[in-house]
Amino acid sequence: MAEKLIQLRVEEGVKDAADEIFKTQGLTTQTAIKIFLTQVANTGDSPFSNLFTKKEQ
């Protein structure tokens, strides 16, 4: 399977904190992002799906 390179910029403190959390789970940040993207692709659903929709009152 062909792969594509994704590059992104994130604040240093955010990256460092995420690295530490993922490390306790036996993951690298790169692996965690791959898992996230694979899950979204496989399920067709995103944890952001309802984040930006207007709530009915």
N, C-alpha and C. Protein backbone atom coordinates (compact mmCIF):
# COMPACT_ATOMS: atom_id res chain seq x y z
N MET A 1 0.84 -1.17 0.00
CA MET A 1 0.00 0.00 0.00
C MET A 1 0.89 1.24 0.00
N ALA A 2 0.59 2.18 -0.86
CA ALA A 2 1.36 3.43 -0.92
C ALA A 2 1.03 4.29 0.30
N GLU A 3 2.01 5.03 0.72
CA GLU A 3 1.81 5.92 1.86
C GLU A 3 2.00 7.36 1.43
N LYS A 4 1.36 8.27 2.16
CA LYS A 4 1.50 9.71 1.93
C LYS A 4 2.08 10.33 3.19
N LEU A 5 2.91 11.32 2.99
CA LEU A 5 3.52 12.04 4.10
C LEU A 5 2.60 13.17 4.53
N ILE A 6 2.36 13.25 5.84
CA ILE A 6 1.60 14.36 6.41
C ILE A 6 2.53 15.11 7.35
N GLN A 7 2.62 16.40 7.17
CA GLN A 7 3.41 17.23 8.07
C GLN A 7 2.49 18.26 8.70
N LEU A 8 2.70 18.53 9.98
CA LEU A 8 1.91 19.56 10.63
C LEU A 8 2.74 20.25 11.69
N ARG A 9 2.33 21.44 11.99
CA ARG A 9 3.00 22.21 13.04
C ARG A 9 2.06 22.29 14.23
N VAL A 10 2.63 22.12 15.40
CA VAL A 10 1.86 22.19 16.64
C VAL A 10 2.77 22.82 17.70
N GLU A 11 2.15 23.49 18.64
CA GLU A 11 2.94 24.12 19.69
C GLU A 11 3.78 23.08 20.42
N GLU A 12 4.99 23.48 20.77
CA GLU A 12 5.95 22.57 21.40
C GLU A 12 5.38 21.93 22.67
N GLY A 13 4.74 22.73 23.51
CA GLY A 13 4.18 22.20 24.76
C GLY A 13 3.09 21.16 24.52
N VAL A 14 2.28 21.39 23.51
CA VAL A 14 1.22 20.44 23.16
C VAL A 14 1.84 19.13 22.70
N LYS A 15 2.84 19.23 21.82
CA LYS A 15 3.52 18.02 21.31
C LYS A 15 4.18 17.25 22.44
N ASP A 16 4.89 17.96 23.33
CA ASP A 16 5.57 17.30 24.44
C ASP A 16 4.60 16.61 25.37
N ALA A 17 3.49 17.26 25.68
CA ALA A 17 2.48 16.67 26.57
C ALA A 17 1.85 15.43 25.93
N ALA A 18 1.53 15.54 24.64
CA ALA A 18 0.95 14.39 23.94
C ALA A 18 1.93 13.24 23.88
N ASP A 19 3.21 13.55 23.60
CA ASP A 19 4.25 12.51 23.57
C ASP A 19 4.28 11.74 24.88
N GLU A 20 4.22 12.44 25.99
CA GLU A 20 4.28 11.79 27.30
C GLU A 20 3.07 10.91 27.55
N ILE A 21 1.90 11.39 27.19
CA ILE A 21 0.67 10.60 27.39
C ILE A 21 0.71 9.34 26.53
N PHE A 22 1.06 9.49 25.26
CA PHE A 22 1.11 8.33 24.38
C PHE A 22 2.20 7.35 24.82
N LYS A 23 3.30 7.86 25.33
CA LYS A 23 4.39 7.01 25.81
C LYS A 23 3.91 6.08 26.92
N THR A 24 3.06 6.58 27.82
CA THR A 24 2.53 5.73 28.90
C THR A 24 1.63 4.62 28.37
N GLN A 25 1.15 4.82 27.14
CA GLN A 25 0.29 3.82 26.50
C GLN A 25 1.07 2.94 25.53
N GLY A 26 2.39 3.12 25.50
CA GLY A 26 3.23 2.32 24.62
C GLY A 26 3.17 2.76 23.17
N LEU A 27 2.79 4.01 22.93
CA LEU A 27 2.65 4.53 21.57
C LEU A 27 3.57 5.72 21.35
N THR A 28 3.86 5.98 20.09
CA THR A 28 4.47 7.25 19.72
C THR A 28 3.33 8.14 19.23
N THR A 29 3.60 9.43 19.18
CA THR A 29 2.58 10.34 18.66
C THR A 29 2.27 10.00 17.20
N GLN A 30 3.29 9.66 16.44
CA GLN A 30 3.08 9.28 15.04
C GLN A 30 2.13 8.08 14.92
N THR A 31 2.35 7.07 15.75
CA THR A 31 1.49 5.89 15.72
C THR A 31 0.07 6.24 16.15
N ALA A 32 -0.06 7.08 17.16
CA ALA A 32 -1.39 7.49 17.63
C ALA A 32 -2.16 8.21 16.53
N ILE A 33 -1.48 9.07 15.79
CA ILE A 33 -2.13 9.79 14.69
C ILE A 33 -2.53 8.81 13.59
N LYS A 34 -1.67 7.85 13.29
CA LYS A 34 -2.02 6.83 12.29
C LYS A 34 -3.25 6.04 12.72
N ILE A 35 -3.31 5.67 14.00
CA ILE A 35 -4.47 4.93 14.51
C ILE A 35 -5.73 5.78 14.38
N PHE A 36 -5.63 7.06 14.75
CA PHE A 36 -6.77 7.97 14.65
C PHE A 36 -7.28 8.05 13.22
N LEU A 37 -6.39 8.30 12.26
CA LEU A 37 -6.80 8.43 10.86
C LEU A 37 -7.37 7.13 10.31
N THR A 38 -6.77 6.01 10.69
CA THR A 38 -7.26 4.70 10.24
C THR A 38 -8.66 4.44 10.78
N GLN A 39 -8.90 4.78 12.04
CA GLN A 39 -10.22 4.58 12.65
C GLN A 39 -11.28 5.42 11.95
N VAL A 40 -10.95 6.67 11.65
CA VAL A 40 -11.89 7.54 10.94
C VAL A 40 -12.18 6.97 9.55
N ALA A 41 -11.14 6.55 8.84
CA ALA A 41 -11.32 5.99 7.50
C ALA A 41 -12.14 4.70 7.53
N ASN A 42 -11.90 3.85 8.52
CA ASN A 42 -12.59 2.56 8.60
C ASN A 42 -14.04 2.68 9.03
N THR A 43 -14.34 3.62 9.90
CA THR A 43 -15.70 3.75 10.43
C THR A 43 -16.54 4.77 9.68
N GLY A 44 -15.87 5.69 8.97
CA GLY A 44 -16.60 6.75 8.30
C GLY A 44 -17.13 7.79 9.27
N ASP A 45 -16.65 7.75 10.49
CA ASP A 45 -17.11 8.68 11.52
C ASP A 45 -15.91 9.38 12.14
N SER A 46 -16.13 10.60 12.57
CA SER A 46 -15.08 11.40 13.19
C SER A 46 -15.55 11.86 14.56
N PRO A 47 -14.64 11.96 15.53
CA PRO A 47 -15.05 12.49 16.83
C PRO A 47 -15.46 13.96 16.74
N PHE A 48 -15.21 14.59 15.60
CA PHE A 48 -15.57 15.99 15.40
C PHE A 48 -16.91 16.14 14.68
N SER A 49 -17.57 15.04 14.37
CA SER A 49 -18.78 15.08 13.55
C SER A 49 -19.83 16.06 14.08
N ASN A 50 -20.06 16.07 15.37
CA ASN A 50 -21.10 16.92 15.94
C ASN A 50 -20.53 18.14 16.65
N LEU A 51 -19.25 18.31 16.60
CA LEU A 51 -18.58 19.39 17.33
C LEU A 51 -18.98 20.77 16.82
N PHE A 52 -19.16 20.90 15.51
CA PHE A 52 -19.40 22.21 14.93
C PHE A 52 -20.84 22.40 14.44
N THR A 53 -21.73 21.51 14.84
CA THR A 53 -23.12 21.66 14.44
C THR A 53 -23.87 22.42 15.53
N LYS A 54 -24.84 23.18 15.11
CA LYS A 54 -25.63 23.98 16.04
C LYS A 54 -26.58 23.06 16.82
N LYS A 55 -26.57 23.21 18.13
CA LYS A 55 -27.45 22.40 18.98
C LYS A 55 -28.85 22.98 18.99
N GLU A 56 -29.82 22.10 18.90
CA GLU A 56 -31.23 22.52 18.98
C GLU A 56 -31.56 22.84 20.43
N GLN A 57 -32.34 23.91 20.62
CA GLN A 57 -32.71 24.29 21.99
C GLN A 57 -34.11 23.92 22.32
